[in-house]
Protein backbone atom coordinates (compact mmCIF):
# COMPACT_ATOMS: atom_id res chain seq x y z
CA UNK A 1 31.72 13.81 -4.25
CA UNK A 2 32.60 17.59 -3.32
CA UNK A 3 31.61 18.58 0.12
CA UNK A 4 29.45 21.26 -1.07
CA UNK A 5 27.44 19.23 -3.68
CA UNK A 6 23.79 18.58 -3.01
CA UNK A 7 24.53 14.95 -2.62
CA UNK A 8 27.16 15.68 0.15
CA UNK A 9 24.90 18.02 1.95
CA UNK A 10 22.12 15.27 1.78
CA UNK A 11 24.35 12.91 3.62
CA UNK A 12 25.51 15.42 6.18
CA UNK A 13 22.04 16.46 7.04
CA UNK A 14 19.15 14.36 6.39
CA UNK A 15 18.05 10.91 7.72
CA UNK A 16 16.28 8.91 5.02
CA UNK A 17 13.36 6.86 5.58
CA UNK A 18 13.40 2.87 4.84
CA UNK A 19 16.97 3.14 3.89
CA UNK A 20 20.08 1.36 4.63
CA UNK A 21 21.57 4.25 6.42
CA UNK A 22 25.21 3.08 6.45
CA UNK A 23 25.25 2.31 2.80
CA UNK A 24 23.59 5.79 2.09
CA UNK A 25 26.49 7.20 3.97
CA UNK A 26 29.28 6.09 1.95
CA UNK A 27 27.21 6.03 -1.56
CA UNK A 28 24.60 8.77 -1.31
CA UNK A 29 20.99 8.92 -3.03
CA UNK A 30 19.40 9.39 -6.37
CA UNK A 31 18.03 13.02 -5.97
CA UNK A 32 15.04 13.43 -7.94
CA UNK A 33 14.66 16.94 -9.85
CA UNK A 34 11.81 17.04 -11.55
CA UNK A 35 8.92 15.28 -13.14
CA UNK A 36 6.50 14.98 -16.05
CA UNK A 37 3.70 12.35 -16.84
CA UNK A 38 4.80 9.11 -15.79
CA UNK A 39 8.59 10.02 -15.99
CA UNK A 40 10.96 11.85 -13.43
CA UNK A 41 14.60 13.10 -13.87
CA UNK A 42 17.41 13.15 -11.34
CA UNK A 43 19.85 16.13 -10.61
CA UNK A 44 22.38 14.54 -13.11
CA UNK A 45 19.71 14.68 -16.13
CA UNK A 46 19.08 10.93 -16.21
CA UNK A 47 15.32 10.17 -16.93
CA UNK A 48 13.39 7.43 -15.66
CA UNK A 49 9.97 5.85 -16.09
CA UNK A 50 8.64 5.95 -12.53
CA UNK A 51 7.03 2.36 -12.34
CA UNK A 52 6.23 3.01 -8.62
CA UNK A 53 4.31 6.03 -8.84
CA UNK A 54 6.63 7.39 -6.30
CA UNK A 55 5.43 5.27 -3.20
CA UNK A 56 2.56 3.83 -4.90
CA UNK A 57 0.78 7.13 -5.03
CA UNK A 58 1.45 9.55 -7.98
CA UNK A 59 -1.72 7.96 -9.70
CA UNK A 60 -2.00 11.22 -11.98
CA UNK A 61 1.72 11.40 -12.72
CA UNK A 62 4.04 14.15 -11.91
CA UNK A 63 2.67 17.34 -13.96
CA UNK A 64 -1.06 17.61 -13.33
CA UNK A 65 -1.53 21.33 -13.32
CA UNK A 66 -5.34 21.07 -12.20
CA UNK A 67 -4.09 19.77 -8.78
CA UNK A 68 -1.65 22.51 -8.41
CA UNK A 69 -4.24 25.19 -9.39
CA UNK A 70 -6.58 23.67 -6.70
CA UNK A 71 -4.12 24.01 -3.98
CA UNK A 72 -3.29 27.63 -4.96
CA UNK A 73 -6.72 28.95 -5.21
CA UNK A 74 -7.37 26.93 -1.70
CA UNK A 75 -4.35 28.63 -0.19
CA UNK A 76 -5.43 32.20 -1.27
CA UNK A 77 -8.84 31.52 0.18
CA UNK A 78 -8.53 29.68 3.26
CA UNK A 79 -4.86 28.30 3.76
CA UNK A 80 -5.74 26.38 6.92
CA UNK A 81 -8.54 25.53 9.25
CA UNK A 82 -9.33 22.38 11.40
CA UNK A 83 -12.17 20.23 12.19
CA UNK A 84 -12.02 20.30 15.75
CA UNK A 85 -14.65 21.87 18.37
CA UNK A 86 -17.43 21.77 16.22
CA UNK A 87 -15.56 23.79 13.60
CA UNK A 88 -15.30 22.88 9.87
CA UNK A 89 -14.95 24.22 6.33
CA UNK A 90 -16.48 23.45 2.85
CA UNK A 91 -13.63 21.31 1.18
CA UNK A 92 -13.67 19.26 3.92
CA UNK A 93 -17.63 18.71 3.51
CA UNK A 94 -17.52 18.16 -0.17
CA UNK A 95 -14.78 15.79 -0.14
CA UNK A 96 -16.48 13.58 2.40
CA UNK A 97 -19.64 13.73 0.28
CA UNK A 98 -17.73 12.72 -2.85
CA UNK A 99 -15.98 9.87 -1.00
CA UNK A 100 -19.09 8.68 0.43
CA UNK A 101 -20.62 8.64 -3.03
CA UNK A 102 -18.10 6.16 -4.60
CA UNK A 103 -17.66 4.03 -1.38
CA UNK A 104 -18.43 0.44 -1.20
CA UNK A 105 -22.01 -0.07 0.54
CA UNK A 106 -22.33 0.31 4.10
CA UNK A 107 -19.83 3.16 4.69
CA UNK A 108 -21.72 6.28 6.20
CA UNK A 109 -19.05 8.90 7.95
CA UNK A 110 -15.56 9.85 7.12
CA UNK A 111 -12.66 10.93 9.29
CA UNK A 112 -9.49 12.63 7.72
CA UNK A 113 -6.21 12.28 8.75
CA UNK A 114 -2.62 13.28 7.03
CA UNK A 115 -1.25 9.66 6.19
CA UNK A 116 -2.26 6.15 5.70
CA UNK A 117 -0.51 5.36 8.72
CA UNK A 118 -2.74 7.60 10.76
CA UNK A 119 -5.66 6.31 9.06
CA UNK A 120 -5.15 2.78 10.25
CA UNK A 121 -4.10 3.95 13.66
CA UNK A 122 -7.51 5.82 13.95
CA UNK A 123 -9.15 2.46 13.04
CA UNK A 124 -7.22 0.64 15.95
CA UNK A 125 -8.51 3.16 18.29
CA UNK A 126 -12.09 3.38 16.73
CA UNK A 127 -12.22 -0.67 17.09
CA UNK A 128 -11.38 -0.33 20.83
CA UNK A 129 -13.94 2.32 21.23
CA UNK A 130 -16.43 0.11 19.42
CA UNK A 131 -16.19 -2.73 21.45
CA UNK A 132 -15.98 -0.81 24.86
CA UNK A 133 -19.29 0.54 23.88
CA UNK A 134 -20.76 -3.15 23.25
CA UNK A 135 -19.63 -4.04 26.79
CA UNK A 136 -16.56 -5.98 25.64
CA UNK A 137 -13.72 -4.04 26.41
CA UNK A 138 -11.66 -7.23 26.59
CA UNK A 139 -11.44 -7.29 22.92
CA UNK A 140 -8.10 -5.65 22.66
CA UNK A 141 -6.26 -7.84 19.90
CA UNK A 142 -5.67 -7.44 16.50
CA UNK A 143 -4.59 -10.05 13.69
CA UNK A 144 -2.47 -8.51 10.77
CA UNK A 145 -0.92 -10.90 8.10
CA UNK A 146 2.79 -11.54 7.68
CA UNK A 147 4.26 -9.49 5.30
CA UNK A 148 1.45 -7.04 5.32
CA UNK A 149 2.03 -3.34 5.64
CA UNK A 150 -0.16 -0.72 7.58
CA UNK A 151 1.86 2.08 8.49
CA UNK A 152 4.70 3.47 10.55
CA UNK A 153 3.11 4.69 13.83
CA UNK A 154 4.04 2.42 16.86
CA UNK A 155 0.62 0.68 16.48
CA UNK A 156 0.41 0.32 12.59
CA UNK A 157 4.18 -1.25 12.60
CA UNK A 158 2.62 -3.68 15.10
CA UNK A 159 0.13 -4.59 13.12
CA UNK A 160 2.36 -4.90 10.00
CA UNK A 161 4.00 -8.31 9.49
CA UNK A 162 7.27 -6.70 8.47
CA UNK A 163 10.17 -8.10 10.55
CA UNK A 164 12.57 -5.37 9.46
CA UNK A 165 10.29 -2.79 10.74
CA UNK A 166 10.30 -4.62 13.93
CA UNK A 167 14.15 -5.00 14.31
CA UNK A 168 15.54 -2.64 16.61
CA UNK A 169 12.52 -0.92 18.18
CA UNK A 170 11.15 -3.54 20.44
CA UNK A 171 8.25 -4.07 18.35
CA UNK A 172 5.54 -5.39 17.84
CA UNK A 173 3.31 -4.55 20.81
CA UNK A 174 1.58 -7.22 22.87
CA UNK A 175 -1.88 -8.09 21.26
CA UNK A 176 -0.78 -7.74 17.40
CA UNK A 177 -0.45 -11.01 16.14
CA UNK A 178 -0.14 -12.27 12.36
CA UNK A 179 -1.84 -14.59 10.17
CA UNK A 180 -0.51 -16.22 7.04
CA UNK A 181 1.09 -14.56 4.14
CA UNK A 182 -1.23 -15.73 1.26
CA UNK A 183 1.38 -15.77 -1.40
CA UNK A 184 -0.08 -18.87 -3.07
CA UNK A 185 3.13 -19.34 -5.37
CA UNK A 186 5.84 -19.28 -2.63
CA UNK A 187 3.53 -21.36 0.12
CA UNK A 188 1.17 -23.71 -1.73
CA UNK A 189 2.02 -27.39 -1.15
CA UNK A 190 2.31 -29.58 -4.20
CA UNK A 191 -1.10 -30.43 -6.01
CA UNK A 192 -2.80 -27.67 -3.81
CA UNK A 193 -5.15 -25.53 -5.90
CA UNK A 194 -5.65 -21.89 -5.17
CA UNK A 195 -9.04 -22.53 -3.52
CA UNK A 196 -7.51 -25.13 -1.43
CA UNK A 197 -4.84 -22.98 -0.54
CA UNK A 198 -7.42 -20.35 0.34
CA UNK A 199 -9.35 -22.97 2.89
CA UNK A 200 -6.03 -23.63 4.37
CA UNK A 201 -5.18 -20.08 4.93
CA UNK A 202 -9.01 -19.70 6.58
CA UNK A 203 -8.21 -22.72 8.71
CA UNK A 204 -5.15 -21.27 10.08
CA UNK A 205 -6.56 -18.09 10.65
CA UNK A 206 -9.51 -20.24 12.68
CA UNK A 207 -6.96 -22.11 14.71
CA UNK A 208 -5.23 -18.70 15.55
CA UNK A 209 -8.32 -17.04 16.64
CA UNK A 210 -9.19 -19.84 18.87
CA UNK A 211 -5.74 -19.82 20.15
CA UNK A 212 -5.78 -16.10 21.13
CA UNK A 213 -9.43 -16.44 22.33
CA UNK A 214 -12.24 -15.24 20.07
CA UNK A 215 -13.66 -13.09 22.59
CA UNK A 216 -10.22 -10.92 22.74
CA UNK A 217 -9.91 -10.16 19.26
CA UNK A 218 -10.97 -6.65 18.22
CA UNK A 219 -10.28 -6.61 14.62
CA UNK A 220 -8.57 -8.11 11.38
CA UNK A 221 -6.78 -5.71 8.93
CA UNK A 222 -6.26 -6.64 5.30
CA UNK A 223 -4.87 -5.02 2.14
CA UNK A 224 -6.98 -6.54 -0.85
CA UNK A 225 -3.54 -7.13 -2.50
CA UNK A 226 -0.87 -6.90 -0.18
CA UNK A 227 1.35 -3.99 -1.42
CA UNK A 228 4.34 -3.80 1.11
CA UNK A 229 4.55 -7.45 0.94
CA UNK A 230 5.47 -7.07 -2.78
CA UNK A 231 2.39 -6.90 -4.82
CA UNK A 232 0.83 -10.31 -3.51
CA UNK A 233 -2.47 -10.91 -5.16
CA UNK A 234 -5.00 -12.73 -3.30
CA UNK A 235 -5.60 -16.61 -4.47
CA UNK A 236 -8.91 -17.72 -5.74
CA UNK A 237 -11.61 -17.79 -3.00
CA UNK A 238 -9.37 -16.21 -0.42
CA UNK A 239 -11.26 -13.30 0.67
CA UNK A 240 -14.57 -15.28 0.77
CA UNK A 241 -12.98 -17.76 3.24
CA UNK A 242 -11.35 -15.19 5.51
CA UNK A 243 -14.38 -13.32 5.73
CA UNK A 244 -16.58 -16.30 6.92
CA UNK A 245 -14.28 -17.04 9.65
CA UNK A 246 -14.36 -13.45 10.86
CA UNK A 247 -18.04 -13.10 10.77
CA UNK A 248 -18.48 -16.30 12.44
CA UNK A 249 -16.58 -14.77 15.55
CA UNK A 250 -17.98 -11.03 15.19
CA UNK A 251 -14.63 -9.78 14.38
CA UNK A 252 -14.47 -6.48 12.82
CA UNK A 253 -12.70 -6.40 9.47
CA UNK A 254 -10.81 -3.22 8.29
CA UNK A 255 -9.97 -3.20 4.41
CA UNK A 256 -6.65 -1.21 3.94
CA UNK A 257 -7.27 0.41 0.57
CA UNK A 258 -4.27 2.97 1.26
CA UNK A 259 -2.67 1.39 -2.14
CA UNK A 260 -5.30 -0.34 -4.00
CA UNK A 261 -8.28 2.44 -3.44
CA UNK A 262 -9.13 4.83 -6.53
CA UNK A 263 -8.55 2.45 -9.37
CA UNK A 264 -5.55 0.34 -8.77
CA UNK A 265 -6.94 -3.07 -9.18
CA UNK A 266 -9.34 -1.81 -11.92
CA UNK A 267 -12.11 -1.02 -9.83
CA UNK A 268 -12.64 1.93 -7.71
CA UNK A 269 -11.57 -0.02 -4.73
CA UNK A 270 -10.01 -3.51 -4.10
CA UNK A 271 -12.98 -4.26 -2.19
CA UNK A 272 -14.94 -4.17 -5.18
CA UNK A 273 -12.69 -6.40 -7.10
CA UNK A 274 -12.52 -9.14 -4.37
CA UNK A 275 -16.00 -8.77 -2.86
CA UNK A 276 -14.79 -7.62 0.47
CA UNK A 277 -17.42 -6.47 2.86
CA UNK A 278 -15.59 -4.31 5.56
CA UNK A 279 -16.79 -2.35 8.75
CA UNK A 280 -14.03 0.22 8.08
CA UNK A 281 -11.96 1.34 5.07
CA UNK A 282 -8.73 3.34 5.09
CA UNK A 283 -7.55 5.14 2.24
CA UNK A 284 -4.84 7.57 1.31
CA UNK A 285 -2.17 8.05 -1.39
CA UNK A 286 -4.14 8.14 -4.49
CA UNK A 287 -6.94 10.19 -2.77
CA UNK A 288 -4.87 13.04 -3.80
CA UNK A 289 -2.66 11.66 -6.54
CA UNK A 290 0.11 12.37 -3.92
CA UNK A 291 0.05 16.01 -4.42
CA UNK A 292 -1.04 16.69 -0.89
CA UNK A 293 -0.89 14.66 2.30
CA UNK A 294 -4.25 13.42 3.07
CA UNK A 295 -6.12 10.30 4.11
CA UNK A 296 -9.35 9.20 5.15
CA UNK A 297 -11.11 6.52 7.37
CA UNK A 298 -14.55 5.49 6.15
CA UNK A 299 -16.67 3.81 8.87
CA UNK A 300 -20.03 1.72 8.60
CA UNK A 301 -23.17 2.62 10.27
CA UNK A 302 -22.48 0.49 13.33
CA UNK A 303 -18.80 1.86 14.07
CA UNK A 304 -20.55 5.37 13.68
CA UNK A 305 -23.31 4.56 16.24
CA UNK A 306 -20.57 3.42 18.61
CA UNK A 307 -18.86 6.80 18.39
CA UNK A 308 -22.17 8.54 18.91
CA UNK A 309 -22.81 6.38 21.96
CA UNK A 310 -19.45 6.87 23.21
CA UNK A 311 -19.48 10.56 22.99
CA UNK A 312 -22.97 10.31 24.99
CA UNK A 313 -21.27 8.27 27.78
CA UNK A 314 -17.94 10.32 27.81
CA UNK A 315 -18.52 13.68 26.16
CA UNK A 316 -15.86 14.77 23.67
CA UNK A 317 -14.88 12.35 21.16
CA UNK A 318 -11.21 12.66 22.34
CA UNK A 319 -9.58 12.10 18.77
CA UNK A 320 -8.00 14.37 16.06
CA UNK A 321 -5.00 15.77 13.93
CA UNK A 322 -3.91 19.16 13.83
CA UNK A 323 -3.62 18.98 10.03
CA UNK A 324 -6.38 16.42 9.50
CA UNK A 325 -8.86 17.62 7.01
CA UNK A 326 -6.41 20.31 5.81
CA UNK A 327 -8.60 22.63 3.66
CA UNK A 328 -5.90 22.76 0.84
CA UNK A 329 -5.43 18.98 0.90
CA UNK A 330 -9.16 18.30 0.79
CA UNK A 331 -9.35 20.93 -2.17
CA UNK A 332 -6.56 19.02 -3.86
CA UNK A 333 -8.43 15.60 -3.11
CA UNK A 334 -11.89 16.71 -4.40
CA UNK A 335 -10.04 17.93 -7.66
CA UNK A 336 -8.50 14.36 -7.96
CA UNK A 337 -11.97 12.80 -7.52
CA UNK A 338 -13.04 15.15 -10.44
CA UNK A 339 -10.44 14.12 -12.73
CA UNK A 340 -11.02 10.24 -12.04
CA UNK A 341 -14.54 10.49 -12.97
CA UNK A 342 -14.21 13.02 -15.79
CA UNK A 343 -11.21 11.13 -17.40
CA UNK A 344 -12.71 7.51 -16.73
CA UNK A 345 -9.39 6.79 -14.97
CA UNK A 346 -10.79 3.39 -13.72
CA UNK A 347 -11.73 2.54 -17.39
CA UNK A 348 -8.47 3.50 -18.70
CA UNK A 349 -6.61 1.15 -16.08
CA UNK A 350 -8.89 -1.58 -17.38
CA UNK A 351 -7.88 -0.74 -20.97
CA UNK A 352 -4.14 -0.53 -20.23
CA UNK A 353 -3.70 -3.35 -17.46
CA UNK A 354 -4.13 -6.38 -20.22
CA UNK A 355 -0.90 -5.41 -21.84
CA UNK A 356 0.84 -4.29 -18.75
CA UNK A 357 0.14 -7.99 -17.09
CA UNK A 358 1.04 -9.70 -20.29
CA UNK A 359 4.07 -7.59 -20.77
CA UNK A 360 5.34 -8.67 -17.25
CA UNK A 361 4.20 -12.25 -17.56
CA UNK A 362 6.28 -12.64 -20.62
CA UNK A 363 9.38 -12.72 -18.32
CA UNK A 364 8.33 -15.98 -16.61
CA UNK A 365 10.89 -17.49 -18.71
CA UNK A 366 13.66 -15.45 -17.75
CA UNK A 367 16.25 -17.43 -15.82
CA UNK A 368 15.55 -14.98 -12.81
CA UNK A 369 11.82 -15.12 -12.74
CA UNK A 370 9.63 -17.64 -10.96
CA UNK A 371 6.47 -16.03 -11.04
CA UNK A 372 4.65 -13.27 -12.32
CA UNK A 373 1.03 -12.03 -10.63
CA UNK A 374 -1.04 -8.94 -10.61
CA UNK A 375 -4.23 -7.32 -11.19
CA UNK A 376 -5.21 -3.76 -12.85
CA UNK A 377 -1.95 -1.83 -12.49
CA UNK A 378 -0.10 -3.65 -9.75
CA UNK A 379 1.93 -6.51 -10.00
CA UNK A 380 4.71 -8.28 -8.40
CA UNK A 381 7.53 -10.43 -10.06
CA UNK A 382 9.23 -12.94 -7.76
CA UNK A 383 12.63 -13.72 -8.46
CA UNK A 384 13.58 -17.59 -7.93
CA UNK A 385 16.98 -19.50 -7.86
CA UNK A 386 15.52 -22.69 -8.78
CA UNK A 387 11.93 -22.51 -10.33
CA UNK A 388 11.01 -26.25 -10.02
CA UNK A 389 11.86 -26.63 -6.58
CA UNK A 390 10.75 -23.12 -5.41
CA UNK A 391 14.14 -22.38 -3.95
CA UNK A 392 14.94 -18.61 -3.25
CA UNK A 393 18.20 -17.19 -3.57
CA UNK A 394 20.06 -16.60 -0.07
CA UNK A 395 18.68 -13.34 1.44
CA UNK A 396 22.19 -12.17 2.02
CA UNK A 397 22.84 -11.98 -1.71
CA UNK A 398 20.42 -9.37 -2.34
CA UNK A 399 19.06 -10.44 -5.67
CA UNK A 400 16.21 -8.13 -5.62
CA UNK A 401 18.45 -5.18 -4.95
CA UNK A 402 20.61 -6.12 -7.83
CA UNK A 403 17.84 -6.27 -10.01
CA UNK A 404 16.42 -3.12 -8.70
CA UNK A 405 19.74 -1.30 -9.19
CA UNK A 406 20.11 -2.74 -12.85
CA UNK A 407 16.76 -1.20 -13.67
CA UNK A 408 17.50 2.05 -12.62
CA UNK A 409 20.85 1.99 -14.56
CA UNK A 410 18.35 1.40 -17.62
CA UNK A 411 15.85 3.94 -16.63
CA UNK A 412 13.34 2.19 -14.68
CA UNK A 413 12.44 2.75 -11.14
CA UNK A 414 10.71 -0.21 -9.42
CA UNK A 415 10.90 -1.55 -5.92
CA UNK A 416 12.48 -4.72 -4.55
CA UNK A 417 10.83 -6.05 -1.52
CA UNK A 418 12.88 -8.98 -0.78
CA UNK A 419 13.19 -10.80 -4.08
CA UNK A 420 10.00 -9.72 -5.31
CA UNK A 421 10.00 -6.59 -7.73
CA UNK A 422 6.94 -4.60 -7.31
CA UNK A 423 5.12 -2.51 -9.98
CA UNK A 424 2.58 0.16 -9.55
CA UNK A 425 2.93 2.89 -12.13
CA UNK A 426 0.81 5.98 -12.49
CA UNK A 427 -2.74 5.10 -13.36
CA UNK A 428 -2.21 7.46 -16.59
CA UNK A 429 0.50 5.12 -18.03
CA UNK A 430 -0.53 4.45 -21.83
CA UNK A 431 0.02 1.80 -23.95
CA UNK A 432 3.41 3.03 -25.48
CA UNK A 433 4.67 3.83 -21.98
CA UNK A 434 3.54 0.20 -21.15
CA UNK A 435 5.85 -1.38 -23.83
CA UNK A 436 9.01 1.02 -23.05
CA UNK A 437 8.47 -0.06 -18.93
CA UNK A 438 8.49 -3.54 -20.34
CA UNK A 439 11.45 -3.09 -22.46
CA UNK A 440 13.53 -1.51 -19.85
CA UNK A 441 12.58 -4.07 -16.97
CA UNK A 442 13.94 -6.92 -19.51
CA UNK A 443 17.16 -4.83 -20.06
CA UNK A 444 17.23 -4.70 -16.37
CA UNK A 445 16.88 -8.23 -15.60
CA UNK A 446 19.24 -9.20 -18.37
CA UNK A 447 22.13 -7.00 -16.91
CA UNK A 448 21.40 -8.47 -13.20
CA UNK A 449 21.55 -11.99 -14.75
CA UNK A 450 24.77 -11.34 -16.37
CA UNK A 451 26.36 -9.92 -13.46
CA UNK A 452 25.62 -12.93 -11.28
CA UNK A 453 26.99 -15.46 -13.43
CA UNK A 454 29.86 -17.33 -11.79
CA UNK A 455 29.17 -16.33 -8.35
CA UNK A 456 28.93 -19.31 -6.16
CA UNK A 457 27.12 -17.18 -3.14
CA UNK A 458 24.07 -16.82 -5.42
CA UNK A 459 23.14 -20.58 -5.50
CA UNK A 460 19.89 -21.44 -4.30
CA UNK A 461 19.03 -21.00 -0.29
CA UNK A 462 18.45 -24.37 1.40
């Protein structure tokens, strides 16, 4: 590596996020140079199908001119303004109206931020505000789920059930507890149906709430599909059973739609797909198709009424971000929502999803694969050493990383989350690209399997 090459300069200057920094310091990064549709090219000219839409977010691919033009027009007209101190601007108003028009029933107001992390962090604060107004300030605790993911702020990392994001940072904070990971394939008992598994998950949640004290719990956060856990779809009956427990104790429900929102599951919202009735909804990523950093927190009428009452008591609503509701980001998000409607992106997902899911499910017979599950254009492939006993590979073997690397060598960018391989391609993926995606994945699996033969350290974990 030449000391003045882009790769060397990258190593010498930039701290990469969610990266093995020691390994990166020795090997360097794949640096992406350009994109078109569902494909990207690195600085060495290698082409890839981007089966993760970047970070679950580039829903319209990497070359949507209408979004670039919308940003340019807004930059020329009003490049920045805020929504503090009773000020505002038209793009924020129009985006809020459009969001509420397509939101699940019950959402009445919108707060804008710059990331999903900030949206969920705001939801934590608003839950505390809500219970303070109700005269129950002792409700300070939050329940997330093991392998759930809600962001990177100190609070949202604590809410997330991701051990690698807690290690070395002194997290999680007190008051953040975690319910079970609803991965039916990995954790169901012999002969246990999906419905029975869901009932057990709900019973365990009830026990956790009783242990913590029902009158101390402010809210439960859940992704309709657990993205950062490896694209884990909920088993049958899961969300109705969970919601019944929460309603029994009056606990707020926050639906984290940062990954699922705007068509990913084959409906506009994951809440629509699974019958979730939340008090707040966080969304980001596909809100602007990743062309601008923006997120939104949608709140129900009872949460908004609490905000009003809190302001009557305390004066100014003391919350906000400098770039929250940025006019350029709002303008791009408005154009994104227009494209979703005009091109019937949700209908397109429903058309392509069966072939996408069938193509991946065909790998159930591969010697590396234990399970495949998905909905819409999100899926997780579980790698397993012993399929019958459901015994995983040793974590130290890094089998997921081996498969990810092999896929990249065959022109496919996927995400290894432990030993689950996640797929969330751009929503514009067509049938031909679906077939090519699956073909490249097959070549990656075969290459990884061939490399693993004869290596005793890859036996099933005990």
